[in-house]
PDB file of all heavy atoms in Angstrom:
ATOM      1  N   GLY A   1      28.745  71.730   6.638  1.00  0.00           N
ATOM      2  CA  GLY A   1      28.074  72.141   5.407  1.00  0.00           C
ATOM      3  C   GLY A   1      27.663  70.964   4.545  1.00  0.00           C
ATOM      4  O   GLY A   1      26.551  70.927   4.000  1.00  0.00           O
ATOM      5  N   LEU A   2      28.548  69.976   4.421  1.00  0.00           N
ATOM      6  CA  LEU A   2      28.206  68.783   3.634  1.00  0.00           C
ATOM      7  C   LEU A   2      27.140  67.951   4.331  1.00  0.00           C
ATOM      8  O   LEU A   2      26.275  67.357   3.679  1.00  0.00           O
ATOM      9  CB  LEU A   2      29.442  67.947   3.346  1.00  0.00           C
ATOM     10  CG  LEU A   2      30.403  68.540   2.333  1.00  0.00           C
ATOM     11  CD1 LEU A   2      31.609  67.628   2.137  1.00  0.00           C
ATOM     12  CD2 LEU A   2      29.719  68.801   1.002  1.00  0.00           C
ATOM     13  N   GLU A   3      27.172  67.909   5.659  1.00  0.00           N
ATOM     14  CA  GLU A   3      26.121  67.199   6.388  1.00  0.00           C
ATOM     15  C   GLU A   3      24.768  67.861   6.138  1.00  0.00           C
ATOM     16  O   GLU A   3      23.755  67.181   5.976  1.00  0.00           O
ATOM     17  CB  GLU A   3      26.432  67.128   7.884  1.00  0.00           C
ATOM     18  CG  GLU A   3      25.359  66.451   8.710  1.00  0.00           C
ATOM     19  CD  GLU A   3      25.086  64.993   8.352  1.00  0.00           C
ATOM     20  OE1 GLU A   3      25.925  64.320   7.719  1.00  0.00           O
ATOM     21  OE2 GLU A   3      23.996  64.503   8.724  1.00  0.00           O
ATOM     22  N   ALA A   4      24.734  69.170   6.080  1.00  0.00           N
ATOM     23  CA  ALA A   4      23.465  69.880   5.796  1.00  0.00           C
ATOM     24  C   ALA A   4      22.954  69.530   4.397  1.00  0.00           C
ATOM     25  O   ALA A   4      21.750  69.297   4.218  1.00  0.00           O
ATOM     26  CB  ALA A   4      23.664  71.389   5.937  1.00  0.00           C
ATOM     27  N   ILE A   5      23.858  69.482   3.419  1.00  0.00           N
ATOM     28  CA  ILE A   5      23.443  69.076   2.064  1.00  0.00           C
ATOM     29  C   ILE A   5      22.913  67.646   2.106  1.00  0.00           C
ATOM     30  O   ILE A   5      21.858  67.341   1.534  1.00  0.00           O
ATOM     31  CB  ILE A   5      24.620  69.181   1.072  1.00  0.00           C
ATOM     32  CG1 ILE A   5      25.017  70.640   0.861  1.00  0.00           C
ATOM     33  CG2 ILE A   5      24.247  68.539  -0.270  1.00  0.00           C
ATOM     34  CD1 ILE A   5      26.308  70.813   0.073  1.00  0.00           C
ATOM     35  N   ARG A   6      23.621  66.743   2.774  1.00  0.00           N
ATOM     36  CA  ARG A   6      23.212  65.337   2.853  1.00  0.00           C
ATOM     37  C   ARG A   6      21.838  65.204   3.490  1.00  0.00           C
ATOM     38  O   ARG A   6      20.978  64.467   3.013  1.00  0.00           O
ATOM     39  CB  ARG A   6      24.253  64.524   3.645  1.00  0.00           C
ATOM     40  CG  ARG A   6      24.005  63.014   3.615  1.00  0.00           C
ATOM     41  CD  ARG A   6      24.920  62.290   4.580  1.00  0.00           C
ATOM     42  NE  ARG A   6      24.477  62.433   5.945  1.00  0.00           N
ATOM     43  CZ  ARG A   6      23.530  61.679   6.523  1.00  0.00           C
ATOM     44  NH1 ARG A   6      22.933  60.726   5.860  1.00  0.00           N
ATOM     45  NH2 ARG A   6      23.182  61.885   7.773  1.00  0.00           N
ATOM     46  N   ARG A   7      21.592  65.946   4.553  1.00  0.00           N
ATOM     47  CA  ARG A   7      20.297  65.856   5.244  1.00  0.00           C
ATOM     48  C   ARG A   7      19.143  66.293   4.339  1.00  0.00           C
ATOM     49  O   ARG A   7      18.047  65.787   4.454  1.00  0.00           O
ATOM     50  CB  ARG A   7      20.315  66.669   6.529  1.00  0.00           C
ATOM     51  CG  ARG A   7      21.195  66.007   7.578  1.00  0.00           C
ATOM     52  CD  ARG A   7      20.854  66.530   8.958  1.00  0.00           C
ATOM     53  NE  ARG A   7      21.110  65.549   9.971  1.00  0.00           N
ATOM     54  CZ  ARG A   7      20.346  64.508  10.283  1.00  0.00           C
ATOM     55  NH1 ARG A   7      19.272  64.256   9.619  1.00  0.00           N
ATOM     56  NH2 ARG A   7      20.667  63.698  11.262  1.00  0.00           N
ATOM     57  N   ARG A   8      19.422  67.229   3.434  1.00  0.00           N
ATOM     58  CA  ARG A   8      18.390  67.686   2.489  1.00  0.00           C
ATOM     59  C   ARG A   8      18.252  66.764   1.286  1.00  0.00           C
ATOM     60  O   ARG A   8      17.214  66.774   0.628  1.00  0.00           O
ATOM     61  CB  ARG A   8      18.728  69.082   1.948  1.00  0.00           C
ATOM     62  CG  ARG A   8      18.680  70.208   2.915  1.00  0.00           C
ATOM     63  CD  ARG A   8      18.810  71.568   2.215  1.00  0.00           C
ATOM     64  NE  ARG A   8      19.875  71.674   1.236  1.00  0.00           N
ATOM     65  CZ  ARG A   8      21.106  72.138   1.467  1.00  0.00           C
ATOM     66  NH1 ARG A   8      21.430  72.544   2.686  1.00  0.00           N
ATOM     67  NH2 ARG A   8      22.010  72.219   0.514  1.00  0.00           N
ATOM     68  N   SER A   9      19.310  66.008   0.971  1.00  0.00           N
ATOM     69  CA  SER A   9      19.401  65.364  -0.337  1.00  0.00           C
ATOM     70  C   SER A   9      19.474  63.838  -0.318  1.00  0.00           C
ATOM     71  O   SER A   9      19.574  63.223  -1.372  1.00  0.00           O
ATOM     72  CB  SER A   9      20.632  65.905  -1.073  1.00  0.00           C
ATOM     73  OG  SER A   9      20.591  67.314  -1.131  1.00  0.00           O
ATOM     74  N   VAL A  10      19.445  63.231   0.860  1.00  0.00           N
ATOM     75  CA  VAL A  10      19.418  61.769   0.982  1.00  0.00           C
ATOM     76  C   VAL A  10      18.139  61.414   1.720  1.00  0.00           C
ATOM     77  O   VAL A  10      17.939  61.827   2.865  1.00  0.00           O
ATOM     78  CB  VAL A  10      20.663  61.235   1.728  1.00  0.00           C
ATOM     79  CG1 VAL A  10      20.533  59.749   2.011  1.00  0.00           C
ATOM     80  CG2 VAL A  10      21.929  61.533   0.934  1.00  0.00           C
ATOM     81  N   GLU A  11      17.277  60.653   1.064  1.00  0.00           N
ATOM     82  CA  GLU A  11      15.946  60.352   1.607  1.00  0.00           C
ATOM     83  C   GLU A  11      15.983  59.813   3.034  1.00  0.00           C
ATOM     84  O   GLU A  11      15.251  60.273   3.898  1.00  0.00           O
ATOM     85  CB  GLU A  11      15.228  59.353   0.693  1.00  0.00           C
ATOM     86  CG  GLU A  11      13.846  58.993   1.180  1.00  0.00           C
ATOM     87  CD  GLU A  11      13.163  57.954   0.311  1.00  0.00           C
ATOM     88  OE1 GLU A  11      13.704  57.583  -0.749  1.00  0.00           O
ATOM     89  OE2 GLU A  11      12.068  57.510   0.714  1.00  0.00           O
ATOM     90  N   ASP A  12      16.849  58.838   3.309  1.00  0.00           N
ATOM     91  CA  ASP A  12      16.866  58.215   4.637  1.00  0.00           C
ATOM     92  C   ASP A  12      17.614  59.024   5.698  1.00  0.00           C
ATOM     93  O   ASP A  12      17.628  58.640   6.864  1.00  0.00           O
ATOM     94  CB  ASP A  12      17.463  56.813   4.554  1.00  0.00           C
ATOM     95  CG  ASP A  12      16.464  55.784   4.029  1.00  0.00           C
ATOM     96  OD1 ASP A  12      15.252  56.061   4.059  1.00  0.00           O
ATOM     97  OD2 ASP A  12      16.908  54.710   3.597  1.00  0.00           O
ATOM     98  N   ALA A  13      18.238  60.130   5.316  1.00  0.00           N
ATOM     99  CA  ALA A  13      18.946  60.950   6.309  1.00  0.00           C
ATOM    100  C   ALA A  13      17.982  61.472   7.371  1.00  0.00           C
ATOM    101  O   ALA A  13      18.353  61.573   8.546  1.00  0.00           O
ATOM    102  CB  ALA A  13      19.676  62.106   5.639  1.00  0.00           C
ATOM    103  N   GLY A  14      16.756  61.759   6.991  1.00  0.00           N
ATOM    104  CA  GLY A  14      15.749  62.214   7.955  1.00  0.00           C
ATOM    105  C   GLY A  14      15.163  61.083   8.776  1.00  0.00           C
ATOM    106  O   GLY A  14      14.374  61.313   9.685  1.00  0.00           O
ATOM    107  N   SER A  15      15.557  59.855   8.457  1.00  0.00           N
ATOM    108  CA  SER A  15      15.048  58.671   9.162  1.00  0.00           C
ATOM    109  C   SER A  15      16.103  58.048  10.063  1.00  0.00           C
ATOM    110  O   SER A  15      16.048  56.864  10.364  1.00  0.00           O
ATOM    111  CB  SER A  15      14.580  57.628   8.140  1.00  0.00           C
ATOM    112  OG  SER A  15      13.561  58.144   7.334  1.00  0.00           O
ATOM    113  N   GLY A  16      17.089  58.849  10.448  1.00  0.00           N
ATOM    114  CA  GLY A  16      18.112  58.373  11.367  1.00  0.00           C
ATOM    115  C   GLY A  16      19.329  57.751  10.718  1.00  0.00           C
ATOM    116  O   GLY A  16      20.225  57.295  11.425  1.00  0.00           O
ATOM    117  N   LEU A  17      19.391  57.719   9.392  1.00  0.00           N
ATOM    118  CA  LEU A  17      20.557  57.138   8.726  1.00  0.00           C
ATOM    119  C   LEU A  17      21.685  58.156   8.728  1.00  0.00           C
ATOM    120  O   LEU A  17      21.610  59.196   8.083  1.00  0.00           O
ATOM    121  CB  LEU A  17      20.215  56.724   7.292  1.00  0.00           C
ATOM    122  CG  LEU A  17      21.323  55.999   6.539  1.00  0.00           C
ATOM    123  CD1 LEU A  17      21.682  54.682   7.238  1.00  0.00           C
ATOM    124  CD2 LEU A  17      20.910  55.740   5.104  1.00  0.00           C
ATOM    125  N   GLN A  18      22.745  57.860   9.465  1.00  0.00           N
ATOM    126  CA  GLN A  18      23.884  58.764   9.579  1.00  0.00           C
ATOM    127  C   GLN A  18      24.758  58.668   8.332  1.00  0.00           C
ATOM    128  O   GLN A  18      24.646  57.733   7.540  1.00  0.00           O
ATOM    129  CB  GLN A  18      24.681  58.410  10.819  1.00  0.00           C
ATOM    130  CG  GLN A  18      25.312  57.019  10.735  1.00  0.00           C
ATOM    131  CD  GLN A  18      25.556  56.398  12.081  1.00  0.00           C
ATOM    132  OE1 GLN A  18      24.625  56.069  12.791  1.00  0.00           O
ATOM    133  NE2 GLN A  18      26.806  56.243  12.430  1.00  0.00           N
ATOM    134  N   ALA A  19      25.643  59.635   8.154  1.00  0.00           N
ATOM    135  CA  ALA A  19      26.627  59.583   7.076  1.00  0.00           C
ATOM    136  C   ALA A  19      27.511  58.355   7.315  1.00  0.00           C
ATOM    137  O   ALA A  19      27.849  58.036   8.463  1.00  0.00           O
ATOM    138  CB  ALA A  19      27.465  60.860   7.058  1.00  0.00           C
ATOM    139  N   HIS A  20      27.893  57.688   6.226  1.00  0.00           N
ATOM    140  CA  HIS A  20      28.604  56.422   6.398  1.00  0.00           C
ATOM    141  C   HIS A  20      29.220  55.930   5.091  1.00  0.00           C
ATOM    142  O   HIS A  20      28.883  56.411   4.013  1.00  0.00           O
ATOM    143  CB  HIS A  20      27.628  55.350   6.897  1.00  0.00           C
ATOM    144  CG  HIS A  20      26.553  55.044   5.888  1.00  0.00           C
ATOM    145  ND1 HIS A  20      25.425  55.818   5.753  1.00  0.00           N
ATOM    146  CD2 HIS A  20      26.459  54.079   4.941  1.00  0.00           C
ATOM    147  CE1 HIS A  20      24.677  55.336   4.780  1.00  0.00           C
ATOM    148  NE2 HIS A  20      25.283  54.269   4.254  1.00  0.00           N
ATOM    149  N   VAL A  21      30.086  54.935   5.236  1.00  0.00           N
ATOM    150  CA  VAL A  21      30.551  54.102   4.128  1.00  0.00           C
ATOM    151  C   VAL A  21      29.847  52.759   4.311  1.00  0.00           C
ATOM    152  O   VAL A  21      29.978  52.126   5.357  1.00  0.00           O
ATOM    153  CB  VAL A  21      32.082  53.916   4.141  1.00  0.00           C
ATOM    154  CG1 VAL A  21      32.514  52.907   3.071  1.00  0.00           C
ATOM    155  CG2 VAL A  21      32.795  55.249   3.945  1.00  0.00           C
ATOM    156  N   THR A  22      29.074  52.347   3.320  1.00  0.00           N
ATOM    157  CA  THR A  22      28.348  51.078   3.387  1.00  0.00           C
ATOM    158  C   THR A  22      29.306  49.924   3.139  1.00  0.00           C
ATOM    159  O   THR A  22      30.032  49.912   2.144  1.00  0.00           O
ATOM    160  CB  THR A  22      27.227  51.034   2.334  1.00  0.00           C
ATOM    161  OG1 THR A  22      26.359  52.157   2.518  1.00  0.00           O
ATOM    162  CG2 THR A  22      26.436  49.744   2.427  1.00  0.00           C
ATOM    163  N   LEU A  23      29.270  48.931   4.030  1.00  0.00           N
ATOM    164  CA  LEU A  23      30.096  47.733   3.866  1.00  0.00           C
ATOM    165  C   LEU A  23      29.268  46.555   3.354  1.00  0.00           C
ATOM    166  O   LEU A  23      29.692  45.867   2.426  1.00  0.00           O
ATOM    167  CB  LEU A  23      30.773  47.365   5.189  1.00  0.00           C
ATOM    168  CG  LEU A  23      31.709  48.430   5.752  1.00  0.00           C
ATOM    169  CD1 LEU A  23      32.181  48.042   7.149  1.00  0.00           C
ATOM    170  CD2 LEU A  23      32.881  48.672   4.820  1.00  0.00           C
ATOM    171  N   LEU A  24      28.119  46.296   3.952  1.00  0.00           N
ATOM    172  CA  LEU A  24      27.201  45.263   3.483  1.00  0.00           C
ATOM    173  C   LEU A  24      25.767  45.748   3.642  1.00  0.00           C
ATOM    174  O   LEU A  24      25.349  46.126   4.742  1.00  0.00           O
ATOM    175  CB  LEU A  24      27.374  43.954   4.266  1.00  0.00           C
ATOM    176  CG  LEU A  24      28.647  43.159   4.020  1.00  0.00           C
ATOM    177  CD1 LEU A  24      28.662  41.899   4.872  1.00  0.00           C
ATOM    178  CD2 LEU A  24      28.823  42.792   2.550  1.00  0.00           C
ATOM    179  N   TYR A  25      25.041  45.739   2.541  1.00  0.00           N
ATOM    180  CA  TYR A  25      23.625  46.095   2.533  1.00  0.00           C
ATOM    181  C   TYR A  25      23.013  45.552   1.249  1.00  0.00           C
ATOM    182  O   TYR A  25      23.629  45.725   0.194  1.00  0.00           O
ATOM    183  CB  TYR A  25      23.430  47.612   2.589  1.00  0.00           C
ATOM    184  CG  TYR A  25      21.990  48.009   2.318  1.00  0.00           C
ATOM    185  CD1 TYR A  25      21.057  47.985   3.346  1.00  0.00           C
ATOM    186  CD2 TYR A  25      21.578  48.361   1.040  1.00  0.00           C
ATOM    187  CE1 TYR A  25      19.734  48.317   3.090  1.00  0.00           C
ATOM    188  CE2 TYR A  25      20.256  48.690   0.792  1.00  0.00           C
ATOM    189  CZ  TYR A  25      19.341  48.664   1.819  1.00  0.00           C
ATOM    190  OH  TYR A  25      18.031  48.973   1.571  1.00  0.00           O
ATOM    191  N   PRO A  26      21.878  44.921   1.307  1.00  0.00           N
ATOM    192  CA  PRO A  26      21.171  44.496   2.520  1.00  0.00           C
ATOM    193  C   PRO A  26      21.928  43.377   3.211  1.00  0.00           C
ATOM    194  O   PRO A  26      22.586  42.568   2.573  1.00  0.00           O
ATOM    195  CB  PRO A  26      19.820  44.022   1.998  1.00  0.00           C
ATOM    196  CG  PRO A  26      20.050  43.661   0.565  1.00  0.00           C
ATOM    197  CD  PRO A  26      21.195  44.509   0.086  1.00  0.00           C
ATOM    198  N   PHE A  27      21.802  43.365   4.533  1.00  0.00           N
ATOM    199  CA  PHE A  27      22.527  42.392   5.332  1.00  0.00           C
ATOM    200  C   PHE A  27      21.543  41.364   5.871  1.00  0.00           C
ATOM    201  O   PHE A  27      20.448  41.208   5.373  1.00  0.00           O
ATOM    202  CB  PHE A  27      23.311  43.128   6.443  1.00  0.00           C
ATOM    203  CG  PHE A  27      24.269  42.270   7.214  1.00  0.00           C
ATOM    204  CD1 PHE A  27      25.204  41.483   6.571  1.00  0.00           C
ATOM    205  CD2 PHE A  27      24.237  42.258   8.594  1.00  0.00           C
ATOM    206  CE1 PHE A  27      26.093  40.683   7.288  1.00  0.00           C
ATOM    207  CE2 PHE A  27      25.117  41.477   9.318  1.00  0.00           C
ATOM    208  CZ  PHE A  27      26.039  40.689   8.667  1.00  0.00           C
ATOM    209  N   VAL A  28      21.932  40.649   6.909  1.00  0.00           N
ATOM    210  CA  VAL A  28      21.153  39.556   7.487  1.00  0.00           C
ATOM    211  C   VAL A  28      19.741  40.033   7.845  1.00  0.00           C
ATOM    212  O   VAL A  28      19.588  41.111   8.425  1.00  0.00           O
ATOM    213  CB  VAL A  28      21.876  39.029   8.751  1.00  0.00           C
ATOM    214  CG1 VAL A  28      21.053  38.000   9.486  1.00  0.00           C
ATOM    215  CG2 VAL A  28      23.240  38.479   8.389  1.00  0.00           C
ATOM    216  N   PRO A  29      18.707  39.241   7.516  1.00  0.00           N
ATOM    217  CA  PRO A  29      17.350  39.621   7.939  1.00  0.00           C
ATOM    218  C   PRO A  29      17.295  39.810   9.462  1.00  0.00           C
ATOM    219  O   PRO A  29      17.960  39.087  10.213  1.00  0.00           O
ATOM    220  CB  PRO A  29      16.491  38.430   7.515  1.00  0.00           C
ATOM    221  CG  PRO A  29      17.262  37.787   6.401  1.00  0.00           C
ATOM    222  CD  PRO A  29      18.714  37.993   6.755  1.00  0.00           C
ATOM    223  N   VAL A  30      16.505  40.763   9.898  1.00  0.00           N
ATOM    224  CA  VAL A  30      16.412  41.097  11.321  1.00  0.00           C
ATOM    225  C   VAL A  30      16.133  39.853  12.159  1.00  0.00           C
ATOM    226  O   VAL A  30      16.738  39.654  13.215  1.00  0.00           O
ATOM    227  CB  VAL A  30      15.339  42.193  11.562  1.00  0.00           C
ATOM    228  CG1 VAL A  30      15.121  42.426  13.040  1.00  0.00           C
ATOM    229  CG2 VAL A  30      15.725  43.479  10.857  1.00  0.00           C
ATOM    230  N   ARG A  31      15.250  38.991  11.689  1.00  0.00           N
ATOM    231  CA  ARG A  31      14.873  37.795  12.466  1.00  0.00           C
ATOM    232  C   ARG A  31      16.051  36.840  12.667  1.00  0.00           C
ATOM    233  O   ARG A  31      16.034  36.004  13.555  1.00  0.00           O
ATOM    234  CB  ARG A  31      13.712  37.069  11.801  1.00  0.00           C
ATOM    235  CG  ARG A  31      14.080  36.403  10.496  1.00  0.00           C
ATOM    236  CD  ARG A  31      12.925  35.685   9.806  1.00  0.00           C
ATOM    237  NE  ARG A  31      13.345  35.162   8.531  1.00  0.00           N
ATOM    238  CZ  ARG A  31      13.424  35.850   7.404  1.00  0.00           C
ATOM    239  NH1 ARG A  31      13.090  37.120   7.392  1.00  0.00           N
ATOM    240  NH2 ARG A  31      13.827  35.284   6.285  1.00  0.00           N
ATOM    241  N   ASP A  32      17.095  36.952  11.815  1.00  0.00           N
ATOM    242  CA  ASP A  32      18.252  36.060  11.900  1.00  0.00           C
ATOM    243  C   ASP A  32      19.433  36.664  12.655  1.00  0.00           C
ATOM    244  O   ASP A  32      20.477  36.017  12.778  1.00  0.00           O
ATOM    245  CB  ASP A  32      18.699  35.646  10.496  1.00  0.00           C
ATOM    246  CG  ASP A  32      17.642  34.802   9.782  1.00  0.00           C
ATOM    247  OD1 ASP A  32      16.809  34.171  10.474  1.00  0.00           O
ATOM    248  OD2 ASP A  32      17.650  34.792   8.537  1.00  0.00           O
ATOM    249  N   LEU A  33      19.292  37.902  13.126  1.00  0.00           N
ATOM    250  CA  LEU A  33      20.370  38.502  13.930  1.00  0.00           C
ATOM    251  C   LEU A  33      20.417  37.772  15.268  1.00  0.00           C
ATOM    252  O   LEU A  33      19.446  37.740  16.000  1.00  0.00           O
ATOM    253  CB  LEU A  33      20.119  39.993  14.159  1.00  0.00           C
ATOM    254  CG  LEU A  33      20.300  40.902  12.959  1.00  0.00           C
ATOM    255  CD1 LEU A  33      19.934  42.334  13.338  1.00  0.00           C
ATOM    256  CD2 LEU A  33      21.719  40.833  12.424  1.00  0.00           C
ATOM    257  N   ASN A  34      21.553  37.178  15.550  1.00  0.00           N
ATOM    258  CA  ASN A  34      21.690  36.436  16.801  1.00  0.00           C
ATOM    259  C   ASN A  34      23.119  36.596  17.309  1.00  0.00           C
ATOM    260  O   ASN A  34      23.940  37.277  16.692  1.00  0.00           O
ATOM    261  CB  ASN A  34      21.317  34.956  16.593  1.00  0.00           C
ATOM    262  CG  ASN A  34      22.150  34.297  15.521  1.00  0.00           C
ATOM    263  OD1 ASN A  34      23.355  34.521  15.415  1.00  0.00           O
ATOM    264  ND2 ASN A  34      21.514  33.461  14.691  1.00  0.00           N
ATOM    265  N   ASP A  35      23.398  35.948  18.428  1.00  0.00           N
ATOM    266  CA  ASP A  35      24.728  36.076  19.026  1.00  0.00           C
ATOM    267  C   ASP A  35      25.823  35.557  18.097  1.00  0.00           C
ATOM    268  O   ASP A  35      26.926  36.104  18.069  1.00  0.00           O
ATOM    269  CB  ASP A  35      24.783  35.343  20.372  1.00  0.00           C
ATOM    270  CG  ASP A  35      23.952  36.031  21.448  1.00  0.00           C
ATOM    271  OD1 ASP A  35      23.609  37.220  21.265  1.00  0.00           O
ATOM    272  OD2 ASP A  35      23.653  35.379  22.468  1.00  0.00           O
TER     273      ASP A  35
END
């Protein structure tokens, strides 16, 4: 039930963003992600 509310009420939920606890955001730029 809460996931259904979240999917309707969080903009990025429809863009593949799962329910979560954010630890770091914004994080490393994509171009700098490396081993």
